[in-house]
Amino acid sequence: MLKFCLIIILEVTAFCFQISVYNYEIFQKTDKSYGYKIRKESKVLIYQEIVPGRDGNMGFKSKVDCIKIAQLVLLKMESGRFPPIVTKEDLKKLNIK
């Protein structure tokens, strides 16, 4: 089952997708970078404001890059890997800037 919803709260736009028991939400930070939340039902399991697998504390520069990693994390979780570690190689394969 695939579910799409648009949530607007206090001028913050978030996109929410649901695949199986996990879902992700993309959010824009005040510095205009992006992050994501991974939930199982209503419980937040991962709140990711920075690009995982990379040095520093910067968020994703594009929403598309953030979506790619959120989907990768969901796939890892669906296959039973927890924590779903994102490596530098994962970032390279997905061409994350």
N, C-alpha and C. Protein backbone atom coordinates (compact mmCIF):
# COMPACT_ATOMS: atom_id res chain seq x y z
N MET A 1 0.84 -1.17 0.00
CA MET A 1 0.00 0.00 0.00
C MET A 1 0.89 1.23 0.00
N LEU A 2 0.61 2.17 -0.87
CA LEU A 2 1.37 3.41 -0.94
C LEU A 2 0.42 4.55 -0.62
N LYS A 3 0.83 5.43 0.29
CA LYS A 3 -0.01 6.53 0.75
C LYS A 3 0.76 7.82 0.58
N PHE A 4 0.10 8.86 0.12
CA PHE A 4 0.72 10.16 -0.06
C PHE A 4 -0.10 11.20 0.68
N CYS A 5 0.57 12.03 1.45
CA CYS A 5 -0.15 13.11 2.11
C CYS A 5 0.72 14.34 2.15
N LEU A 6 0.10 15.49 2.14
CA LEU A 6 0.79 16.76 2.24
C LEU A 6 0.37 17.40 3.54
N ILE A 7 1.37 17.76 4.36
CA ILE A 7 1.09 18.35 5.66
C ILE A 7 1.68 19.75 5.66
N ILE A 8 0.87 20.74 6.01
CA ILE A 8 1.37 22.11 6.13
C ILE A 8 1.12 22.58 7.55
N ILE A 9 2.20 22.88 8.27
CA ILE A 9 2.10 23.32 9.66
C ILE A 9 3.00 24.54 9.82
N LEU A 10 2.43 25.67 10.18
CA LEU A 10 3.19 26.88 10.46
C LEU A 10 4.24 27.18 9.38
N GLU A 11 3.82 27.22 8.16
CA GLU A 11 4.67 27.52 7.01
C GLU A 11 5.74 26.47 6.73
N VAL A 12 5.63 25.31 7.31
CA VAL A 12 6.56 24.23 7.04
C VAL A 12 5.82 23.19 6.21
N THR A 13 6.36 22.85 5.08
CA THR A 13 5.73 21.86 4.21
C THR A 13 6.47 20.54 4.38
N ALA A 14 5.73 19.48 4.58
CA ALA A 14 6.33 18.16 4.73
C ALA A 14 5.60 17.18 3.83
N PHE A 15 6.32 16.23 3.30
CA PHE A 15 5.73 15.20 2.49
C PHE A 15 5.84 13.88 3.24
N CYS A 16 4.78 13.12 3.24
CA CYS A 16 4.71 11.89 4.00
C CYS A 16 4.37 10.74 3.06
N PHE A 17 5.15 9.67 3.09
CA PHE A 17 4.90 8.51 2.26
C PHE A 17 4.86 7.29 3.16
N GLN A 18 3.98 6.35 2.82
CA GLN A 18 3.90 5.15 3.64
C GLN A 18 4.08 3.93 2.77
N ILE A 19 5.01 3.08 3.18
CA ILE A 19 5.25 1.80 2.54
C ILE A 19 5.30 0.79 3.67
N SER A 20 4.36 -0.16 3.65
CA SER A 20 4.29 -1.17 4.70
C SER A 20 4.08 -0.53 6.07
N VAL A 21 4.77 -1.02 7.11
CA VAL A 21 4.56 -0.49 8.46
C VAL A 21 5.40 0.75 8.73
N TYR A 22 6.40 1.01 7.88
CA TYR A 22 7.24 2.19 8.04
C TYR A 22 6.80 3.29 7.09
N ASN A 23 7.03 4.52 7.48
CA ASN A 23 6.80 5.63 6.57
C ASN A 23 7.85 6.70 6.85
N TYR A 24 8.00 7.59 5.87
CA TYR A 24 8.96 8.67 6.05
C TYR A 24 8.32 10.00 5.74
N GLU A 25 8.87 11.02 6.34
CA GLU A 25 8.40 12.39 6.14
C GLU A 25 9.62 13.25 5.87
N ILE A 26 9.56 14.03 4.82
CA ILE A 26 10.64 14.96 4.48
C ILE A 26 10.26 16.33 5.04
N PHE A 27 11.20 16.99 5.69
CA PHE A 27 10.92 18.33 6.21
C PHE A 27 12.03 19.29 5.81
N GLN A 28 11.67 20.56 5.70
CA GLN A 28 12.66 21.59 5.38
C GLN A 28 13.03 22.31 6.66
N LYS A 29 14.33 22.46 6.86
CA LYS A 29 14.84 23.13 8.05
C LYS A 29 14.89 24.64 7.82
N THR A 30 15.11 25.39 8.87
CA THR A 30 15.14 26.85 8.77
C THR A 30 16.27 27.34 7.88
N ASP A 31 17.35 26.56 7.72
CA ASP A 31 18.46 26.96 6.85
C ASP A 31 18.23 26.54 5.40
N LYS A 32 17.00 26.08 5.09
CA LYS A 32 16.58 25.67 3.73
C LYS A 32 17.13 24.32 3.30
N SER A 33 17.82 23.62 4.19
CA SER A 33 18.24 22.25 3.87
C SER A 33 17.09 21.31 4.29
N TYR A 34 17.25 20.02 4.01
CA TYR A 34 16.18 19.05 4.25
C TYR A 34 16.64 17.95 5.19
N GLY A 35 15.67 17.35 5.86
CA GLY A 35 15.89 16.20 6.71
C GLY A 35 14.69 15.27 6.58
N TYR A 36 14.73 14.16 7.31
CA TYR A 36 13.61 13.21 7.25
C TYR A 36 13.37 12.56 8.61
N LYS A 37 12.15 12.07 8.76
CA LYS A 37 11.76 11.27 9.91
C LYS A 37 11.32 9.91 9.39
N ILE A 38 11.67 8.87 10.10
CA ILE A 38 11.19 7.52 9.79
C ILE A 38 10.31 7.10 10.96
N ARG A 39 9.11 6.65 10.64
CA ARG A 39 8.17 6.21 11.67
C ARG A 39 7.75 4.77 11.45
N LYS A 40 7.41 4.15 12.54
CA LYS A 40 6.70 2.87 12.51
C LYS A 40 5.40 3.15 13.22
N GLU A 41 4.31 3.08 12.44
CA GLU A 41 3.00 3.53 12.91
C GLU A 41 3.14 4.99 13.32
N SER A 42 2.87 5.38 14.53
CA SER A 42 2.98 6.79 14.90
C SER A 42 4.26 7.11 15.66
N LYS A 43 5.09 6.11 15.91
CA LYS A 43 6.32 6.31 16.68
C LYS A 43 7.49 6.69 15.77
N VAL A 44 8.14 7.82 16.07
CA VAL A 44 9.32 8.24 15.32
C VAL A 44 10.50 7.38 15.76
N LEU A 45 11.08 6.65 14.81
CA LEU A 45 12.25 5.81 15.09
C LEU A 45 13.55 6.54 14.75
N ILE A 46 13.51 7.36 13.70
CA ILE A 46 14.70 8.09 13.26
C ILE A 46 14.29 9.52 12.93
N TYR A 47 15.03 10.47 13.48
CA TYR A 47 14.86 11.88 13.16
C TYR A 47 16.21 12.35 12.64
N GLN A 48 16.32 12.51 11.32
CA GLN A 48 17.62 12.76 10.69
C GLN A 48 17.67 14.17 10.09
N GLU A 49 18.39 15.06 10.76
CA GLU A 49 18.53 16.44 10.29
C GLU A 49 19.77 16.67 9.44
N ILE A 50 20.72 15.74 9.50
CA ILE A 50 21.96 15.90 8.75
C ILE A 50 22.13 14.72 7.79
N VAL A 51 23.03 14.89 6.83
CA VAL A 51 23.29 13.81 5.87
C VAL A 51 24.06 12.71 6.61
N PRO A 52 23.47 11.52 6.73
CA PRO A 52 24.18 10.44 7.43
C PRO A 52 25.35 9.93 6.59
N GLY A 53 26.38 9.42 7.24
CA GLY A 53 27.51 8.88 6.53
C GLY A 53 28.48 9.93 6.02
N ARG A 54 28.28 11.16 6.42
CA ARG A 54 29.13 12.27 5.97
C ARG A 54 29.57 13.09 7.18
N ASP A 55 30.78 13.59 7.12
CA ASP A 55 31.28 14.45 8.19
C ASP A 55 30.51 15.77 8.20
N GLY A 56 30.44 16.39 9.35
CA GLY A 56 29.78 17.69 9.46
C GLY A 56 28.35 17.57 9.94
N ASN A 57 27.66 18.70 9.94
CA ASN A 57 26.29 18.71 10.44
C ASN A 57 25.33 19.42 9.49
N MET A 58 25.59 19.28 8.19
CA MET A 58 24.74 19.90 7.18
C MET A 58 23.58 18.98 6.80
N GLY A 59 22.43 19.58 6.55
CA GLY A 59 21.29 18.83 6.04
C GLY A 59 21.45 18.59 4.55
N PHE A 60 20.46 17.92 3.96
CA PHE A 60 20.48 17.65 2.53
C PHE A 60 20.26 18.95 1.76
N LYS A 61 21.02 19.15 0.69
CA LYS A 61 20.89 20.36 -0.12
C LYS A 61 19.62 20.34 -0.97
N SER A 62 19.15 19.15 -1.33
CA SER A 62 17.94 19.06 -2.16
C SER A 62 16.95 18.07 -1.56
N LYS A 63 15.69 18.32 -1.83
CA LYS A 63 14.62 17.43 -1.38
C LYS A 63 14.76 16.06 -2.03
N VAL A 64 15.17 16.05 -3.31
CA VAL A 64 15.33 14.79 -4.04
C VAL A 64 16.39 13.91 -3.38
N ASP A 65 17.53 14.50 -3.00
CA ASP A 65 18.57 13.72 -2.33
C ASP A 65 18.07 13.17 -1.00
N CYS A 66 17.32 13.98 -0.28
CA CYS A 66 16.77 13.55 1.01
C CYS A 66 15.81 12.38 0.83
N ILE A 67 14.97 12.46 -0.19
CA ILE A 67 14.02 11.37 -0.49
C ILE A 67 14.77 10.09 -0.82
N LYS A 68 15.84 10.19 -1.63
CA LYS A 68 16.62 9.00 -1.99
C LYS A 68 17.13 8.27 -0.75
N ILE A 69 17.68 9.02 0.19
CA ILE A 69 18.24 8.40 1.39
C ILE A 69 17.14 7.88 2.31
N ALA A 70 16.04 8.62 2.45
CA ALA A 70 14.92 8.14 3.27
C ALA A 70 14.40 6.82 2.71
N GLN A 71 14.29 6.71 1.38
CA GLN A 71 13.83 5.46 0.77
C GLN A 71 14.84 4.34 0.97
N LEU A 72 16.12 4.64 0.88
CA LEU A 72 17.15 3.64 1.14
C LEU A 72 17.06 3.13 2.57
N VAL A 73 16.90 4.04 3.52
CA VAL A 73 16.78 3.66 4.93
C VAL A 73 15.55 2.76 5.12
N LEU A 74 14.43 3.11 4.49
CA LEU A 74 13.24 2.26 4.60
C LEU A 74 13.51 0.86 4.05
N LEU A 75 14.18 0.78 2.91
CA LEU A 75 14.49 -0.53 2.34
C LEU A 75 15.36 -1.35 3.27
N LYS A 76 16.34 -0.71 3.89
CA LYS A 76 17.21 -1.42 4.84
C LYS A 76 16.40 -1.90 6.05
N MET A 77 15.50 -1.05 6.54
CA MET A 77 14.68 -1.44 7.68
C MET A 77 13.72 -2.56 7.32
N GLU A 78 13.13 -2.48 6.13
CA GLU A 78 12.21 -3.54 5.68
C GLU A 78 12.91 -4.88 5.55
N SER A 79 14.23 -4.84 5.24
CA SER A 79 14.98 -6.09 5.11
C SER A 79 15.53 -6.57 6.45
N GLY A 80 15.16 -5.86 7.54
CA GLY A 80 15.54 -6.31 8.88
C GLY A 80 16.80 -5.68 9.43
N ARG A 81 17.39 -4.74 8.73
CA ARG A 81 18.63 -4.11 9.22
C ARG A 81 18.29 -2.91 10.10
N PHE A 82 18.64 -3.01 11.36
CA PHE A 82 18.45 -1.89 12.28
C PHE A 82 19.60 -1.88 13.26
N PRO A 83 20.35 -0.83 13.36
CA PRO A 83 20.10 0.44 12.69
C PRO A 83 20.46 0.36 11.21
N PRO A 84 19.73 1.10 10.38
CA PRO A 84 19.97 1.10 8.93
C PRO A 84 21.09 2.08 8.56
N ILE A 85 22.32 1.67 8.73
CA ILE A 85 23.47 2.55 8.56
C ILE A 85 23.62 2.96 7.09
N VAL A 86 23.80 4.26 6.87
CA VAL A 86 24.06 4.80 5.54
C VAL A 86 25.56 5.06 5.44
N THR A 87 26.19 4.47 4.44
CA THR A 87 27.64 4.58 4.28
C THR A 87 27.99 5.64 3.23
N LYS A 88 29.27 6.00 3.20
CA LYS A 88 29.75 6.91 2.17
C LYS A 88 29.56 6.29 0.79
N GLU A 89 29.68 4.98 0.71
CA GLU A 89 29.46 4.27 -0.56
C GLU A 89 27.99 4.40 -1.00
N ASP A 90 27.06 4.31 -0.06
CA ASP A 90 25.64 4.51 -0.38
C ASP A 90 25.42 5.90 -0.97
N LEU A 91 26.04 6.91 -0.34
CA LEU A 91 25.90 8.28 -0.82
C LEU A 91 26.46 8.43 -2.24
N LYS A 92 27.58 7.79 -2.46
CA LYS A 92 28.21 7.85 -3.79
C LYS A 92 27.34 7.18 -4.85
N LYS A 93 26.82 5.98 -4.54
CA LYS A 93 25.97 5.26 -5.49
C LYS A 93 24.72 6.04 -5.85
N LEU A 94 24.17 6.78 -4.89
CA LEU A 94 22.95 7.54 -5.14
C LEU A 94 23.24 8.97 -5.61
N ASN A 95 24.53 9.28 -5.80
CA ASN A 95 24.94 10.60 -6.30
C ASN A 95 24.43 11.73 -5.42
N ILE A 96 24.60 11.55 -4.09
CA ILE A 96 24.17 12.56 -3.13
C ILE A 96 25.25 13.64 -3.05
N LYS A 97 24.85 14.87 -3.25
CA LYS A 97 25.79 15.99 -3.25
C LYS A 97 25.98 16.52 -1.85
